[in-house]
Amino acid sequence: MDTNRLNQGEMIAAVSAAVLLLIMFAFSWFGLGGDLADQASDAGFDTGANAWESFSIIDIVLLITILVAVGGAVMTANAQNVDTPVAISAITAALGIISVLLILFRLISPPDLINSVFDEAEGADVDISRKIGAFLGLIAAAGIAYGGWRAMQTEGTSFSGEADRMGDRRPSDPGPPPPPPPSSGGTPPPAPGPRV
């Protein structure tokens, strides 16, 4: 494996992906706030949740983004060429952009971490607070998107070019079937009739 084969964009995307994976495990992304959080903290409970505990689908999208960014860099470093319908750098950039948008969505509208656990806690001042992990995750996802975009620029690819390339791979209209071969002489075969 030769990391000198990586362009700057691939390196940025791969490092950002590794950092995002670490942030997903090591940092709290969301947590309880208000009176309930104070009571839980006083009792010795952890009131924060990392990315795996906070999300149900978004964490899977983030994991796929990480795998594509790191996998693309590893393939380039090992001088492996995989014939994909779209360039790996374009897939990395697109997944990075989707990850940024999903994290932004959850920063604006935090997940409901306590709905099923604290149904009976009516009257308690409960809110979900955003923790440092969500902001660090947003920065790392933006790094993946930027790295994928830089790799696309280095390779000379674009999203529209990749869409055209993918469109060229679709099977074209084959047209009408070829005529049957001429008979070798004699009488032509009888036309199929209704079956009795």
N, C-alpha and C. Protein backbone atom coordinates (compact mmCIF):
# COMPACT_ATOMS: atom_id res chain seq x y z
N MET A 1 0.85 -1.17 0.00
CA MET A 1 0.00 0.00 0.00
C MET A 1 0.89 1.23 0.00
N ASP A 2 0.70 2.09 -1.01
CA ASP A 2 1.50 3.29 -1.17
C ASP A 2 0.60 4.51 -1.08
N THR A 3 0.68 5.24 0.04
CA THR A 3 -0.18 6.41 0.22
C THR A 3 0.22 7.57 -0.68
N ASN A 4 1.39 7.48 -1.32
CA ASN A 4 1.79 8.53 -2.26
C ASN A 4 0.91 8.54 -3.51
N ARG A 5 0.19 7.46 -3.76
CA ARG A 5 -0.71 7.40 -4.91
C ARG A 5 -1.98 8.22 -4.69
N LEU A 6 -2.29 8.53 -3.43
CA LEU A 6 -3.51 9.26 -3.11
C LEU A 6 -3.37 10.73 -3.49
N ASN A 7 -4.42 11.29 -4.09
CA ASN A 7 -4.39 12.73 -4.30
C ASN A 7 -4.86 13.41 -3.02
N GLN A 8 -4.75 14.72 -2.98
CA GLN A 8 -5.05 15.45 -1.75
C GLN A 8 -6.51 15.25 -1.32
N GLY A 9 -7.44 15.24 -2.28
CA GLY A 9 -8.84 15.07 -1.95
C GLY A 9 -9.12 13.72 -1.33
N GLU A 10 -8.54 12.65 -1.89
CA GLU A 10 -8.75 11.32 -1.33
C GLU A 10 -8.19 11.22 0.09
N MET A 11 -7.06 11.87 0.32
CA MET A 11 -6.46 11.86 1.66
C MET A 11 -7.35 12.61 2.65
N ILE A 12 -7.88 13.78 2.25
CA ILE A 12 -8.77 14.55 3.12
C ILE A 12 -10.02 13.74 3.45
N ALA A 13 -10.61 13.12 2.44
CA ALA A 13 -11.83 12.34 2.66
C ALA A 13 -11.57 11.16 3.57
N ALA A 14 -10.47 10.45 3.37
CA ALA A 14 -10.17 9.27 4.19
C ALA A 14 -9.89 9.64 5.64
N VAL A 15 -9.10 10.70 5.85
CA VAL A 15 -8.80 11.12 7.23
C VAL A 15 -10.07 11.62 7.92
N SER A 16 -10.88 12.39 7.20
CA SER A 16 -12.14 12.88 7.77
C SER A 16 -13.07 11.72 8.12
N ALA A 17 -13.07 10.69 7.28
CA ALA A 17 -13.91 9.52 7.55
C ALA A 17 -13.44 8.80 8.81
N ALA A 18 -12.14 8.64 8.97
CA ALA A 18 -11.62 7.98 10.17
C ALA A 18 -11.95 8.80 11.42
N VAL A 19 -11.84 10.13 11.30
CA VAL A 19 -12.19 11.00 12.43
C VAL A 19 -13.68 10.90 12.75
N LEU A 20 -14.52 10.87 11.71
CA LEU A 20 -15.96 10.75 11.93
C LEU A 20 -16.30 9.45 12.65
N LEU A 21 -15.66 8.35 12.27
CA LEU A 21 -15.91 7.08 12.94
C LEU A 21 -15.56 7.18 14.43
N LEU A 22 -14.44 7.80 14.73
CA LEU A 22 -14.03 7.99 16.13
C LEU A 22 -15.04 8.86 16.88
N ILE A 23 -15.47 9.94 16.24
CA ILE A 23 -16.44 10.84 16.88
C ILE A 23 -17.76 10.14 17.13
N MET A 24 -18.16 9.26 16.23
CA MET A 24 -19.43 8.56 16.40
C MET A 24 -19.44 7.68 17.65
N PHE A 25 -18.28 7.14 18.01
CA PHE A 25 -18.19 6.29 19.20
C PHE A 25 -17.84 7.06 20.46
N ALA A 26 -16.92 8.00 20.37
CA ALA A 26 -16.28 8.56 21.56
C ALA A 26 -16.98 9.78 22.15
N PHE A 27 -17.81 10.47 21.38
CA PHE A 27 -18.40 11.71 21.87
C PHE A 27 -19.92 11.60 21.94
N SER A 28 -20.50 12.30 22.91
CA SER A 28 -21.95 12.42 22.98
C SER A 28 -22.42 13.40 21.91
N TRP A 29 -23.46 13.03 21.19
CA TRP A 29 -24.01 13.89 20.14
C TRP A 29 -25.23 14.65 20.66
N PHE A 30 -26.06 13.98 21.44
CA PHE A 30 -27.25 14.59 22.01
C PHE A 30 -27.39 14.10 23.44
N GLY A 31 -28.13 14.83 24.24
CA GLY A 31 -28.35 14.42 25.61
C GLY A 31 -29.56 15.09 26.20
N LEU A 32 -29.93 14.67 27.38
CA LEU A 32 -31.06 15.27 28.09
C LEU A 32 -30.65 16.63 28.61
N GLY A 33 -31.60 17.51 28.65
CA GLY A 33 -31.38 18.82 29.24
C GLY A 33 -32.49 19.13 30.22
N GLY A 34 -32.39 20.19 30.95
CA GLY A 34 -33.44 20.61 31.87
C GLY A 34 -33.38 19.90 33.21
N ASP A 35 -34.54 19.90 33.90
CA ASP A 35 -34.63 19.34 35.26
C ASP A 35 -34.29 17.86 35.31
N LEU A 36 -34.80 17.12 34.33
CA LEU A 36 -34.58 15.67 34.31
C LEU A 36 -33.09 15.34 34.17
N ALA A 37 -32.38 16.12 33.34
CA ALA A 37 -30.94 15.89 33.18
C ALA A 37 -30.20 16.17 34.47
N ASP A 38 -30.60 17.22 35.17
CA ASP A 38 -29.95 17.54 36.45
C ASP A 38 -30.16 16.43 37.46
N GLN A 39 -31.37 15.90 37.52
CA GLN A 39 -31.67 14.83 38.46
C GLN A 39 -30.90 13.56 38.10
N ALA A 40 -30.84 13.25 36.79
CA ALA A 40 -30.13 12.05 36.37
C ALA A 40 -28.64 12.18 36.62
N SER A 41 -28.08 13.36 36.38
CA SER A 41 -26.65 13.58 36.63
C SER A 41 -26.34 13.47 38.11
N ASP A 42 -27.22 14.02 38.94
CA ASP A 42 -27.01 13.92 40.39
C ASP A 42 -27.04 12.48 40.86
N ALA A 43 -27.84 11.65 40.18
CA ALA A 43 -27.94 10.24 40.55
C ALA A 43 -26.82 9.41 39.93
N GLY A 44 -25.97 10.02 39.12
CA GLY A 44 -24.83 9.30 38.54
C GLY A 44 -25.09 8.68 37.19
N PHE A 45 -26.18 9.04 36.54
CA PHE A 45 -26.49 8.50 35.22
C PHE A 45 -25.88 9.37 34.12
N ASP A 46 -25.48 8.71 33.04
CA ASP A 46 -24.98 9.43 31.87
C ASP A 46 -26.18 9.94 31.07
N THR A 47 -26.23 11.22 30.81
CA THR A 47 -27.38 11.81 30.11
C THR A 47 -27.09 12.06 28.64
N GLY A 48 -25.95 11.64 28.14
CA GLY A 48 -25.59 11.84 26.74
C GLY A 48 -25.71 10.56 25.94
N ALA A 49 -25.83 10.72 24.63
CA ALA A 49 -25.92 9.58 23.72
C ALA A 49 -25.02 9.83 22.52
N ASN A 50 -24.21 8.83 22.17
CA ASN A 50 -23.36 8.99 21.00
C ASN A 50 -24.19 8.80 19.73
N ALA A 51 -23.56 8.83 18.57
CA ALA A 51 -24.29 8.75 17.30
C ALA A 51 -25.04 7.44 17.16
N TRP A 52 -24.44 6.35 17.62
CA TRP A 52 -25.08 5.04 17.50
C TRP A 52 -26.33 4.95 18.37
N GLU A 53 -26.33 5.63 19.50
CA GLU A 53 -27.48 5.61 20.40
C GLU A 53 -28.52 6.66 20.01
N SER A 54 -28.10 7.71 19.31
CA SER A 54 -29.01 8.81 18.99
C SER A 54 -29.84 8.56 17.75
N PHE A 55 -29.27 7.86 16.77
CA PHE A 55 -29.93 7.73 15.47
C PHE A 55 -30.40 6.30 15.24
N SER A 56 -31.35 6.18 14.29
CA SER A 56 -31.79 4.85 13.88
C SER A 56 -31.35 4.53 12.45
N ILE A 57 -31.39 5.52 11.57
CA ILE A 57 -31.00 5.31 10.17
C ILE A 57 -29.78 6.14 9.80
N ILE A 58 -29.69 7.34 10.35
CA ILE A 58 -28.61 8.26 9.98
C ILE A 58 -27.24 7.66 10.29
N ASP A 59 -27.13 6.92 11.38
CA ASP A 59 -25.83 6.32 11.70
C ASP A 59 -25.40 5.31 10.63
N ILE A 60 -26.36 4.62 10.02
CA ILE A 60 -26.04 3.67 8.94
C ILE A 60 -25.55 4.42 7.71
N VAL A 61 -26.19 5.55 7.39
CA VAL A 61 -25.75 6.37 6.25
C VAL A 61 -24.33 6.89 6.50
N LEU A 62 -24.08 7.33 7.73
CA LEU A 62 -22.73 7.81 8.06
C LEU A 62 -21.70 6.69 7.94
N LEU A 63 -22.05 5.49 8.38
CA LEU A 63 -21.13 4.36 8.27
C LEU A 63 -20.84 4.03 6.81
N ILE A 64 -21.86 4.03 5.96
CA ILE A 64 -21.65 3.77 4.53
C ILE A 64 -20.74 4.83 3.93
N THR A 65 -20.95 6.09 4.32
CA THR A 65 -20.10 7.18 3.84
C THR A 65 -18.65 6.94 4.25
N ILE A 66 -18.45 6.54 5.48
CA ILE A 66 -17.09 6.26 5.98
C ILE A 66 -16.46 5.13 5.19
N LEU A 67 -17.20 4.05 4.98
CA LEU A 67 -16.66 2.89 4.26
C LEU A 67 -16.28 3.25 2.83
N VAL A 68 -17.11 4.05 2.16
CA VAL A 68 -16.81 4.43 0.77
C VAL A 68 -15.57 5.32 0.72
N ALA A 69 -15.48 6.30 1.63
CA ALA A 69 -14.33 7.22 1.62
C ALA A 69 -13.03 6.47 1.91
N VAL A 70 -13.05 5.63 2.93
CA VAL A 70 -11.83 4.89 3.29
C VAL A 70 -11.55 3.82 2.23
N GLY A 71 -12.59 3.13 1.77
CA GLY A 71 -12.39 2.08 0.75
C GLY A 71 -11.82 2.63 -0.54
N GLY A 72 -12.30 3.79 -0.97
CA GLY A 72 -11.76 4.41 -2.18
C GLY A 72 -10.29 4.76 -2.04
N ALA A 73 -9.92 5.28 -0.87
CA ALA A 73 -8.52 5.62 -0.63
C ALA A 73 -7.64 4.36 -0.57
N VAL A 74 -8.14 3.31 0.06
CA VAL A 74 -7.37 2.07 0.15
C VAL A 74 -7.17 1.46 -1.24
N MET A 75 -8.23 1.48 -2.07
CA MET A 75 -8.10 0.93 -3.42
C MET A 75 -7.08 1.72 -4.24
N THR A 76 -7.10 3.05 -4.12
CA THR A 76 -6.13 3.87 -4.84
C THR A 76 -4.72 3.60 -4.33
N ALA A 77 -4.55 3.50 -3.01
CA ALA A 77 -3.23 3.26 -2.44
C ALA A 77 -2.69 1.89 -2.84
N ASN A 78 -3.57 0.93 -3.07
CA ASN A 78 -3.15 -0.40 -3.49
C ASN A 78 -3.11 -0.56 -5.01
N ALA A 79 -3.33 0.54 -5.72
CA ALA A 79 -3.31 0.55 -7.19
C ALA A 79 -4.34 -0.42 -7.75
N GLN A 80 -5.49 -0.52 -7.11
CA GLN A 80 -6.58 -1.35 -7.61
C GLN A 80 -7.56 -0.46 -8.35
N ASN A 81 -8.06 -0.95 -9.45
CA ASN A 81 -9.02 -0.20 -10.24
C ASN A 81 -10.30 -1.02 -10.33
N VAL A 82 -11.38 -0.46 -9.83
CA VAL A 82 -12.67 -1.13 -9.88
C VAL A 82 -13.53 -0.38 -10.88
N ASP A 83 -14.12 -1.12 -11.81
CA ASP A 83 -14.95 -0.50 -12.83
C ASP A 83 -16.34 -0.26 -12.25
N THR A 84 -16.57 0.96 -11.79
CA THR A 84 -17.87 1.33 -11.25
C THR A 84 -18.57 2.24 -12.24
N PRO A 85 -19.89 2.24 -12.24
CA PRO A 85 -20.60 3.10 -13.18
C PRO A 85 -20.38 4.59 -12.91
N VAL A 86 -20.02 4.93 -11.66
CA VAL A 86 -19.75 6.31 -11.27
C VAL A 86 -18.41 6.31 -10.54
N ALA A 87 -17.63 7.38 -10.72
CA ALA A 87 -16.32 7.47 -10.05
C ALA A 87 -16.50 7.43 -8.53
N ILE A 88 -15.59 6.76 -7.86
CA ILE A 88 -15.64 6.64 -6.40
C ILE A 88 -15.58 8.02 -5.75
N SER A 89 -14.83 8.94 -6.35
CA SER A 89 -14.75 10.29 -5.78
C SER A 89 -16.11 10.98 -5.82
N ALA A 90 -16.88 10.76 -6.87
CA ALA A 90 -18.21 11.36 -6.97
C ALA A 90 -19.16 10.73 -5.94
N ILE A 91 -19.04 9.43 -5.74
CA ILE A 91 -19.87 8.76 -4.73
C ILE A 91 -19.51 9.27 -3.34
N THR A 92 -18.21 9.44 -3.08
CA THR A 92 -17.76 9.95 -1.79
C THR A 92 -18.29 11.35 -1.55
N ALA A 93 -18.17 12.22 -2.56
CA ALA A 93 -18.66 13.59 -2.41
C ALA A 93 -20.16 13.62 -2.18
N ALA A 94 -20.91 12.82 -2.94
CA ALA A 94 -22.37 12.81 -2.80
C ALA A 94 -22.78 12.30 -1.41
N LEU A 95 -22.16 11.22 -0.96
CA LEU A 95 -22.48 10.70 0.37
C LEU A 95 -22.07 11.67 1.47
N GLY A 96 -20.95 12.37 1.26
CA GLY A 96 -20.54 13.39 2.23
C GLY A 96 -21.55 14.51 2.32
N ILE A 97 -22.07 14.95 1.18
CA ILE A 97 -23.08 16.01 1.17
C ILE A 97 -24.35 15.54 1.85
N ILE A 98 -24.77 14.31 1.55
CA ILE A 98 -25.97 13.75 2.20
C ILE A 98 -25.76 13.66 3.71
N SER A 99 -24.58 13.25 4.14
CA SER A 99 -24.29 13.15 5.57
C SER A 99 -24.35 14.52 6.24
N VAL A 100 -23.79 15.52 5.59
CA VAL A 100 -23.84 16.88 6.15
C VAL A 100 -25.29 17.33 6.31
N LEU A 101 -26.10 17.10 5.28
CA LEU A 101 -27.51 17.52 5.34
C LEU A 101 -28.27 16.78 6.44
N LEU A 102 -28.01 15.48 6.60
CA LEU A 102 -28.69 14.71 7.65
C LEU A 102 -28.29 15.18 9.04
N ILE A 103 -27.01 15.46 9.24
CA ILE A 103 -26.57 15.95 10.56
C ILE A 103 -27.15 17.34 10.82
N LEU A 104 -27.15 18.19 9.80
CA LEU A 104 -27.76 19.52 9.97
C LEU A 104 -29.24 19.40 10.34
N PHE A 105 -29.94 18.49 9.68
CA PHE A 105 -31.35 18.27 10.00
C PHE A 105 -31.52 17.90 11.46
N ARG A 106 -30.67 17.01 11.97
CA ARG A 106 -30.79 16.59 13.36
C ARG A 106 -30.30 17.66 14.33
N LEU A 107 -29.43 18.55 13.90
CA LEU A 107 -29.06 19.67 14.76
C LEU A 107 -30.23 20.64 14.89
N ILE A 108 -30.97 20.82 13.80
CA ILE A 108 -32.13 21.71 13.84
C ILE A 108 -33.29 21.03 14.58
N SER A 109 -33.50 19.76 14.32
CA SER A 109 -34.58 18.99 14.94
C SER A 109 -33.99 17.76 15.63
N PRO A 110 -33.56 17.91 16.89
CA PRO A 110 -32.90 16.78 17.58
C PRO A 110 -33.80 15.55 17.68
N PRO A 111 -33.18 14.37 17.71
CA PRO A 111 -33.98 13.14 17.84
C PRO A 111 -34.67 13.08 19.20
N ASP A 112 -35.77 12.38 19.25
CA ASP A 112 -36.53 12.22 20.49
C ASP A 112 -35.95 11.03 21.26
N LEU A 113 -35.02 11.32 22.13
CA LEU A 113 -34.32 10.25 22.86
C LEU A 113 -35.13 9.66 24.00
N ILE A 114 -36.11 10.39 24.51
CA ILE A 114 -36.75 9.96 25.75
C ILE A 114 -38.22 9.66 25.60
N ASN A 115 -38.76 9.73 24.42
CA ASN A 115 -40.20 9.57 24.23
C ASN A 115 -40.72 8.27 24.83
N SER A 116 -40.06 7.18 24.52
CA SER A 116 -40.57 5.89 24.99
C SER A 116 -40.14 5.57 26.42
N VAL A 117 -39.06 6.16 26.89
CA VAL A 117 -38.55 5.83 28.21
C VAL A 117 -39.24 6.61 29.31
N PHE A 118 -39.53 7.89 29.04
CA PHE A 118 -40.06 8.75 30.09
C PHE A 118 -41.48 9.22 29.78
N ASP A 119 -42.33 8.32 29.32
CA ASP A 119 -43.72 8.70 29.02
C ASP A 119 -44.44 9.19 30.28
N GLU A 120 -44.12 8.59 31.41
CA GLU A 120 -44.83 8.96 32.62
C GLU A 120 -44.26 10.20 33.30
N ALA A 121 -43.19 10.77 32.76
CA ALA A 121 -42.55 11.93 33.40
C ALA A 121 -43.22 13.23 32.97
N GLU A 122 -44.53 13.28 33.07
CA GLU A 122 -45.25 14.49 32.70
C GLU A 122 -44.95 15.57 33.72
N GLY A 123 -44.88 16.77 33.23
CA GLY A 123 -44.61 17.90 34.11
C GLY A 123 -43.13 18.16 34.30
N ALA A 124 -42.28 17.22 33.97
CA ALA A 124 -40.84 17.44 34.10
C ALA A 124 -40.35 18.28 32.92
N ASP A 125 -39.43 19.16 33.19
CA ASP A 125 -38.87 20.02 32.14
C ASP A 125 -37.80 19.22 31.41
N VAL A 126 -38.19 18.63 30.27
CA VAL A 126 -37.28 17.76 29.53
C VAL A 126 -37.04 18.37 28.16
N ASP A 127 -35.80 18.52 27.81
CA ASP A 127 -35.47 18.90 26.45
C ASP A 127 -34.21 18.16 26.03
N ILE A 128 -33.99 18.12 24.73
CA ILE A 128 -32.81 17.44 24.18
C ILE A 128 -31.78 18.51 23.85
N SER A 129 -30.60 18.35 24.39
CA SER A 129 -29.54 19.32 24.10
C SER A 129 -28.55 18.73 23.10
N ARG A 130 -27.96 19.60 22.34
CA ARG A 130 -26.95 19.22 21.36
C ARG A 130 -25.59 19.22 22.04
N LYS A 131 -24.87 18.14 21.86
CA LYS A 131 -23.55 18.02 22.49
C LYS A 131 -22.46 18.25 21.44
N ILE A 132 -21.24 18.30 21.90
CA ILE A 132 -20.09 18.62 21.03
C ILE A 132 -19.90 17.60 19.91
N GLY A 133 -20.26 16.35 20.13
CA GLY A 133 -20.08 15.32 19.11
C GLY A 133 -20.84 15.61 17.83
N ALA A 134 -22.04 16.18 17.95
CA ALA A 134 -22.83 16.49 16.76
C ALA A 134 -22.14 17.55 15.90
N PHE A 135 -21.55 18.54 16.55
CA PHE A 135 -20.87 19.60 15.80
C PHE A 135 -19.55 19.10 15.20
N LEU A 136 -18.83 18.27 15.96
CA LEU A 136 -17.60 17.69 15.42
C LEU A 136 -17.92 16.73 14.27
N GLY A 137 -19.02 15.97 14.40
CA GLY A 137 -19.45 15.07 13.33
C GLY A 137 -19.80 15.84 12.07
N LEU A 138 -20.44 16.99 12.23
CA LEU A 138 -20.78 17.84 11.09
C LEU A 138 -19.52 18.30 10.37
N ILE A 139 -18.51 18.69 11.12
CA ILE A 139 -17.25 19.14 10.52
C ILE A 139 -16.56 17.99 9.79
N ALA A 140 -16.55 16.80 10.40
CA ALA A 140 -15.91 15.65 9.76
C ALA A 140 -16.66 15.24 8.49
N ALA A 141 -18.00 15.26 8.52
CA ALA A 141 -18.77 14.93 7.32
C ALA A 141 -18.52 15.96 6.22
N ALA A 142 -18.40 17.23 6.60
CA ALA A 142 -18.07 18.27 5.62
C ALA A 142 -16.68 18.02 5.03
N GLY A 143 -15.76 17.51 5.85
CA GLY A 143 -14.43 17.16 5.34
C GLY A 143 -14.49 16.04 4.31
N ILE A 144 -15.37 15.07 4.52
CA ILE A 144 -15.53 13.98 3.54
C ILE A 144 -16.08 14.55 2.24
N ALA A 145 -17.10 15.40 2.34
CA ALA A 145 -17.69 16.00 1.13
C ALA A 145 -16.65 16.83 0.39
N TYR A 146 -15.90 17.63 1.12
CA TYR A 146 -14.87 18.47 0.49
C TYR A 146 -13.78 17.61 -0.13
N GLY A 147 -13.34 16.59 0.57
CA GLY A 147 -12.31 15.70 0.03
C GLY A 147 -12.77 15.00 -1.23
N GLY A 148 -14.02 14.52 -1.23
CA GLY A 148 -14.56 13.89 -2.44
C GLY A 148 -14.63 14.87 -3.60
N TRP A 149 -15.03 16.11 -3.30
CA TRP A 149 -15.10 17.14 -4.35
C TRP A 149 -13.71 17.47 -4.90
N ARG A 150 -12.73 17.59 -3.99
CA ARG A 150 -11.35 17.86 -4.44
C ARG A 150 -10.81 16.71 -5.29
N ALA A 151 -11.12 15.49 -4.90
CA ALA A 151 -10.69 14.33 -5.70
C ALA A 151 -11.35 14.36 -7.07
N MET A 152 -12.60 14.76 -7.13
CA MET A 152 -13.28 14.88 -8.42
C MET A 152 -12.60 15.93 -9.29
N GLN A 153 -12.21 17.04 -8.69
CA GLN A 153 -11.53 18.10 -9.45
C GLN A 153 -10.19 17.61 -9.99
N THR A 154 -9.46 16.86 -9.17
CA THR A 154 -8.16 16.32 -9.59
C THR A 154 -8.32 15.34 -10.73
N GLU A 155 -9.37 14.51 -10.67
CA GLU A 155 -9.62 13.52 -11.72
C GLU A 155 -10.27 14.12 -12.96
N GLY A 156 -10.77 15.35 -12.83
CA GLY A 156 -11.44 15.97 -13.96
C GLY A 156 -12.87 15.49 -14.15
N THR A 157 -13.49 15.03 -13.08
CA THR A 157 -14.87 14.57 -13.17
C THR A 157 -15.81 15.60 -12.56
N SER A 158 -17.08 15.47 -12.89
CA SER A 158 -18.12 16.32 -12.32
C SER A 158 -19.38 15.49 -12.15
N PHE A 159 -20.31 16.01 -11.38
CA PHE A 159 -21.55 15.27 -11.17
C PHE A 159 -22.32 15.11 -12.48
N SER A 160 -22.35 16.18 -13.28
CA SER A 160 -23.08 16.08 -14.56
C SER A 160 -22.37 15.11 -15.51
N GLY A 161 -21.03 15.13 -15.51
CA GLY A 161 -20.28 14.19 -16.35
C GLY A 161 -20.50 12.75 -15.92
N GLU A 162 -20.58 12.53 -14.61
CA GLU A 162 -20.83 11.18 -14.11
C GLU A 162 -22.25 10.73 -14.42
N ALA A 163 -23.20 11.66 -14.39
CA ALA A 163 -24.59 11.31 -14.75
C ALA A 163 -24.66 10.93 -16.23
N ASP A 164 -23.94 11.68 -17.08
CA ASP A 164 -23.90 11.35 -18.50
C ASP A 164 -23.24 9.99 -18.72
N ARG A 165 -22.17 9.75 -17.98
CA ARG A 165 -21.45 8.47 -18.10
C ARG A 165 -22.35 7.32 -17.70
N MET A 166 -23.12 7.53 -16.64
CA MET A 166 -24.03 6.48 -16.19
C MET A 166 -25.15 6.29 -17.21
N GLY A 167 -25.60 7.37 -17.84
CA GLY A 167 -26.63 7.27 -18.85
C GLY A 167 -26.16 6.52 -20.08
N ASP A 168 -24.87 6.64 -20.41
CA ASP A 168 -24.32 5.92 -21.56
C ASP A 168 -24.25 4.43 -21.33
N ARG A 169 -24.27 3.99 -20.09
CA ARG A 169 -24.15 2.56 -19.80
C ARG A 169 -25.50 1.85 -19.85
N ARG A 170 -26.57 2.61 -19.92
CA ARG A 170 -27.88 1.97 -19.99
C ARG A 170 -28.02 1.28 -21.34
N PRO A 171 -28.66 0.14 -21.37
CA PRO A 171 -28.82 -0.54 -22.65
C PRO A 171 -29.69 0.32 -23.57
N SER A 172 -29.25 0.46 -24.80
CA SER A 172 -30.01 1.25 -25.76
C SER A 172 -31.15 0.42 -26.32
N ASP A 173 -32.05 1.09 -27.02
CA ASP A 173 -33.19 0.41 -27.62
C ASP A 173 -32.68 -0.52 -28.71
N PRO A 174 -32.91 -1.82 -28.57
CA PRO A 174 -32.34 -2.75 -29.56
C PRO A 174 -33.04 -2.68 -30.90
N GLY A 175 -34.19 -2.02 -30.99
CA GLY A 175 -34.89 -1.95 -32.27
C GLY A 175 -35.67 -3.23 -32.52
N PRO A 176 -36.21 -3.35 -33.73
CA PRO A 176 -36.99 -4.55 -34.03
C PRO A 176 -36.08 -5.77 -34.15
N PRO A 177 -36.63 -6.96 -33.91
CA PRO A 177 -35.80 -8.17 -34.01
C PRO A 177 -35.41 -8.40 -35.47
N PRO A 178 -34.29 -9.07 -35.68
CA PRO A 178 -33.85 -9.33 -37.06
C PRO A 178 -34.83 -10.29 -37.75
N PRO A 179 -34.90 -10.21 -39.08
CA PRO A 179 -35.80 -11.11 -39.79
C PRO A 179 -35.30 -12.55 -39.69
N PRO A 180 -36.20 -13.51 -39.82
CA PRO A 180 -35.77 -14.91 -39.74
C PRO A 180 -34.90 -15.25 -40.94
N PRO A 181 -34.01 -16.21 -40.77
CA PRO A 181 -33.14 -16.58 -41.89
C PRO A 181 -33.96 -17.16 -43.04
N PRO A 182 -33.49 -16.97 -44.26
CA PRO A 182 -34.25 -17.51 -45.41
C PRO A 182 -34.24 -19.03 -45.35
N SER A 183 -35.32 -19.59 -45.84
CA SER A 183 -35.40 -21.05 -45.83
C SER A 183 -34.45 -21.60 -46.90
N SER A 184 -34.03 -22.82 -46.70
CA SER A 184 -33.03 -23.42 -47.59
C SER A 184 -33.66 -24.02 -48.84
N GLY A 185 -34.85 -23.79 -49.11
CA GLY A 185 -35.49 -24.33 -50.30
C GLY A 185 -36.74 -25.07 -49.93
N GLY A 186 -37.45 -25.49 -50.90
CA GLY A 186 -38.68 -26.22 -50.63
C GLY A 186 -39.78 -25.27 -50.25
N THR A 187 -40.74 -25.81 -49.60
CA THR A 187 -41.89 -24.99 -49.22
C THR A 187 -41.63 -24.35 -47.87
N PRO A 188 -42.16 -23.18 -47.70
CA PRO A 188 -41.96 -22.53 -46.39
C PRO A 188 -42.74 -23.28 -45.31
N PRO A 189 -42.29 -23.18 -44.09
CA PRO A 189 -42.98 -23.88 -43.01
C PRO A 189 -44.38 -23.31 -42.85
N PRO A 190 -45.32 -24.15 -42.44
CA PRO A 190 -46.69 -23.66 -42.30
C PRO A 190 -46.76 -22.62 -41.18
N ALA A 191 -47.66 -21.69 -41.38
CA ALA A 191 -47.87 -20.66 -40.35
C ALA A 191 -48.56 -21.30 -39.18
N PRO A 192 -48.19 -20.89 -37.99
CA PRO A 192 -48.85 -21.48 -36.83
C PRO A 192 -50.33 -21.11 -36.80
N GLY A 193 -51.14 -22.07 -36.56
CA GLY A 193 -52.57 -21.85 -36.50
C GLY A 193 -53.07 -22.01 -35.08
N PRO A 194 -54.34 -21.87 -34.91
CA PRO A 194 -54.89 -22.04 -33.55
C PRO A 194 -54.77 -23.47 -33.09
N ARG A 195 -54.50 -23.60 -31.83
CA ARG A 195 -54.37 -24.95 -31.25
C ARG A 195 -55.73 -25.46 -30.85
N VAL A 196 -55.91 -26.76 -31.04
CA VAL A 196 -57.20 -27.38 -30.70
C VAL A 196 -57.05 -28.20 -29.45
